[in-house]
Amino acid sequence: MTSGIKFTTTEMKYIALFESISGASVKDCIVDEEQGRVIFVVKEGDLGAAIGKGGRNIRLLERMTGKKHEIIEYSDDPVQFIKNALKPATVQEVRITERPDGKTIAVVTVHPRDKGVAIGKNGRNAERLRMLVKRYFQIQNVSIV
């Protein structure tokens, strides 16, 4: 799935720093200058190591880089990946369908109290999710309901 993803030198530096501090294996790194954040996709099962005890690794990385760090646990299953990407929101259902025009879309139903968390401030979490599912699973759009 990840073949064809090319990293910039900046992304490679972030990956090296992240892996040396956390010991977690990074599958993907996206530097989002616009939002002032770095998004890491870590290997399945490495989320705990990536975050560190009490969030220690994240705090250290954020102090060192001056950017917010977001970590998502990878999954080969697009439904599980979407659930992981929207944590801590409670995802009730994920429907992935192919439209007549050939485009694949995902409709994600979250618990009503978690809708704001899932979408994020100014839609940043929803936008991050759209970008990642397009990158890994060729899903063109995601609707959060």
Protein backbone atom coordinates (compact mmCIF):
# COMPACT_ATOMS: atom_id res chain seq x y z
CA MET A 1 0.00 0.00 0.00
CA THR A 2 2.71 2.48 0.91
CA SER A 3 4.79 1.94 -2.21
CA GLY A 4 5.12 5.09 -4.20
CA ILE A 5 5.24 7.38 -1.17
CA LYS A 6 8.35 9.51 -1.35
CA PHE A 7 9.69 11.36 1.66
CA THR A 8 11.31 14.78 1.61
CA THR A 9 14.56 15.29 3.53
CA THR A 10 12.55 17.15 6.20
CA GLU A 11 10.18 14.20 6.63
CA MET A 12 13.13 11.78 6.81
CA LYS A 13 14.69 13.90 9.58
CA TYR A 14 11.41 13.84 11.55
CA ILE A 15 11.14 10.05 11.07
CA ALA A 16 14.72 9.48 12.27
CA LEU A 17 14.18 11.70 15.33
CA PHE A 18 10.82 10.10 16.13
CA GLU A 19 12.13 6.53 15.81
CA SER A 20 15.25 7.25 17.88
CA ILE A 21 13.21 8.75 20.73
CA SER A 22 10.24 6.37 20.72
CA GLY A 23 11.57 3.10 19.31
CA ALA A 24 8.37 2.85 17.25
CA SER A 25 8.45 2.04 13.52
CA VAL A 26 7.13 4.86 11.33
CA LYS A 27 5.28 3.91 8.11
CA ASP A 28 4.55 7.46 7.04
CA CYS A 29 5.27 11.06 8.01
CA ILE A 30 3.51 14.16 6.75
CA VAL A 31 4.74 17.62 7.67
CA ASP A 32 1.73 19.94 7.60
CA GLU A 33 3.25 23.43 7.77
CA GLU A 34 -0.14 25.08 7.29
CA GLN A 35 -1.50 23.56 10.53
CA GLY A 36 1.88 23.52 12.31
CA ARG A 37 1.81 19.77 12.86
CA VAL A 38 3.60 16.57 11.96
CA ILE A 39 1.46 13.48 11.34
CA PHE A 40 3.07 10.09 11.93
CA VAL A 41 1.53 6.79 10.87
CA VAL A 42 3.13 4.06 12.97
CA LYS A 43 3.27 0.31 12.46
CA GLU A 44 0.38 -1.70 13.91
CA GLY A 45 1.05 -2.38 17.59
CA ASP A 46 3.58 0.47 18.00
CA LEU A 47 1.15 3.16 19.18
CA GLY A 48 1.98 2.74 22.89
CA ALA A 49 5.72 2.95 22.29
CA ALA A 50 5.23 5.96 20.01
CA ILE A 51 3.30 7.93 22.61
CA GLY A 52 5.47 6.85 25.54
CA LYS A 53 4.52 6.54 29.18
CA GLY A 54 2.13 9.35 30.03
CA GLY A 55 2.75 10.95 26.61
CA ARG A 56 6.43 11.54 27.42
CA ASN A 57 7.72 10.92 23.86
CA ILE A 58 5.17 13.25 22.28
CA ARG A 59 5.92 16.08 24.73
CA LEU A 60 9.67 15.70 24.16
CA LEU A 61 9.29 15.72 20.36
CA GLU A 62 6.98 18.74 20.47
CA ARG A 63 9.47 20.67 22.64
CA MET A 64 12.34 19.75 20.31
CA THR A 65 10.57 20.61 17.05
CA GLY A 66 8.10 23.31 18.09
CA LYS A 67 5.32 21.51 16.22
CA LYS A 68 2.29 19.52 17.32
CA HIS A 69 2.65 15.77 16.72
CA GLU A 70 -0.24 13.49 15.83
CA ILE A 71 0.12 9.73 15.78
CA ILE A 72 -2.13 7.24 14.02
CA GLU A 73 -1.77 3.47 14.19
CA TYR A 74 -1.73 1.88 10.74
CA SER A 75 -4.02 -0.97 9.69
CA ASP A 76 -4.31 -2.81 6.35
CA ASP A 77 -8.08 -2.78 6.91
CA PRO A 78 -9.49 0.60 5.79
CA VAL A 79 -12.35 0.41 8.33
CA GLN A 80 -9.94 -0.14 11.23
CA PHE A 81 -7.57 2.52 9.88
CA ILE A 82 -10.41 5.07 9.81
CA LYS A 83 -11.34 4.14 13.41
CA ASN A 84 -7.70 4.55 14.47
CA ALA A 85 -7.41 7.92 12.71
CA LEU A 86 -10.51 9.29 14.46
CA LYS A 87 -9.56 8.24 17.99
CA PRO A 88 -10.59 9.24 20.64
CA ALA A 89 -13.98 9.69 18.93
CA THR A 90 -16.31 6.68 19.16
CA VAL A 91 -16.90 5.38 15.64
CA GLN A 92 -20.20 3.51 15.39
CA GLU A 93 -20.04 2.46 11.75
CA VAL A 94 -17.89 2.81 8.62
CA ARG A 95 -19.46 2.16 5.21
CA ILE A 96 -17.17 2.09 2.19
CA THR A 97 -18.96 2.14 -1.15
CA GLU A 98 -18.08 2.59 -4.78
CA ARG A 99 -20.16 5.16 -6.61
CA PRO A 100 -21.38 4.64 -10.20
CA ASP A 101 -18.64 7.02 -11.42
CA GLY A 102 -16.02 4.63 -10.00
CA LYS A 103 -15.01 6.79 -7.03
CA THR A 104 -14.79 5.11 -3.65
CA ILE A 105 -16.23 6.97 -0.66
CA ALA A 106 -16.46 6.25 3.06
CA VAL A 107 -19.32 7.31 5.30
CA VAL A 108 -18.35 7.31 8.96
CA THR A 109 -20.99 7.40 11.68
CA VAL A 110 -19.68 8.68 15.02
CA HIS A 111 -21.41 9.01 18.36
CA PRO A 112 -23.21 12.40 18.37
CA ARG A 113 -21.20 13.67 21.37
CA ASP A 114 -17.95 12.87 19.50
CA LYS A 115 -18.79 14.57 16.20
CA GLY A 116 -16.80 17.69 17.09
CA VAL A 117 -13.76 15.61 18.07
CA ALA A 118 -13.97 13.60 14.85
CA ILE A 119 -14.23 16.66 12.62
CA GLY A 120 -11.74 18.72 14.63
CA LYS A 121 -11.23 22.44 14.86
CA ASN A 122 -11.91 23.99 11.44
CA GLY A 123 -12.26 20.46 10.04
CA ARG A 124 -8.58 19.62 10.46
CA ASN A 125 -9.15 16.03 11.68
CA ALA A 126 -11.58 15.31 8.86
CA GLU A 127 -9.12 16.77 6.35
CA ARG A 128 -6.27 14.66 7.79
CA LEU A 129 -8.46 11.55 7.48
CA ARG A 130 -9.38 12.35 3.85
CA MET A 131 -5.75 12.84 2.93
CA LEU A 132 -4.61 9.57 4.58
CA VAL A 133 -7.35 7.29 3.21
CA LYS A 134 -6.74 8.67 -0.27
CA ARG A 135 -3.01 8.02 0.16
CA TYR A 136 -3.40 4.43 1.38
CA PHE A 137 -6.72 3.07 0.16
CA GLN A 138 -7.66 5.22 -2.88
CA ILE A 139 -10.81 6.38 -1.08
CA GLN A 140 -11.66 9.74 -2.68
CA ASN A 141 -13.90 11.21 0.01
CA VAL A 142 -14.97 10.70 3.61
CA SER A 143 -18.17 12.01 5.18
CA ILE A 144 -18.53 12.13 8.94
CA VAL A 145 -22.13 11.92 10.14
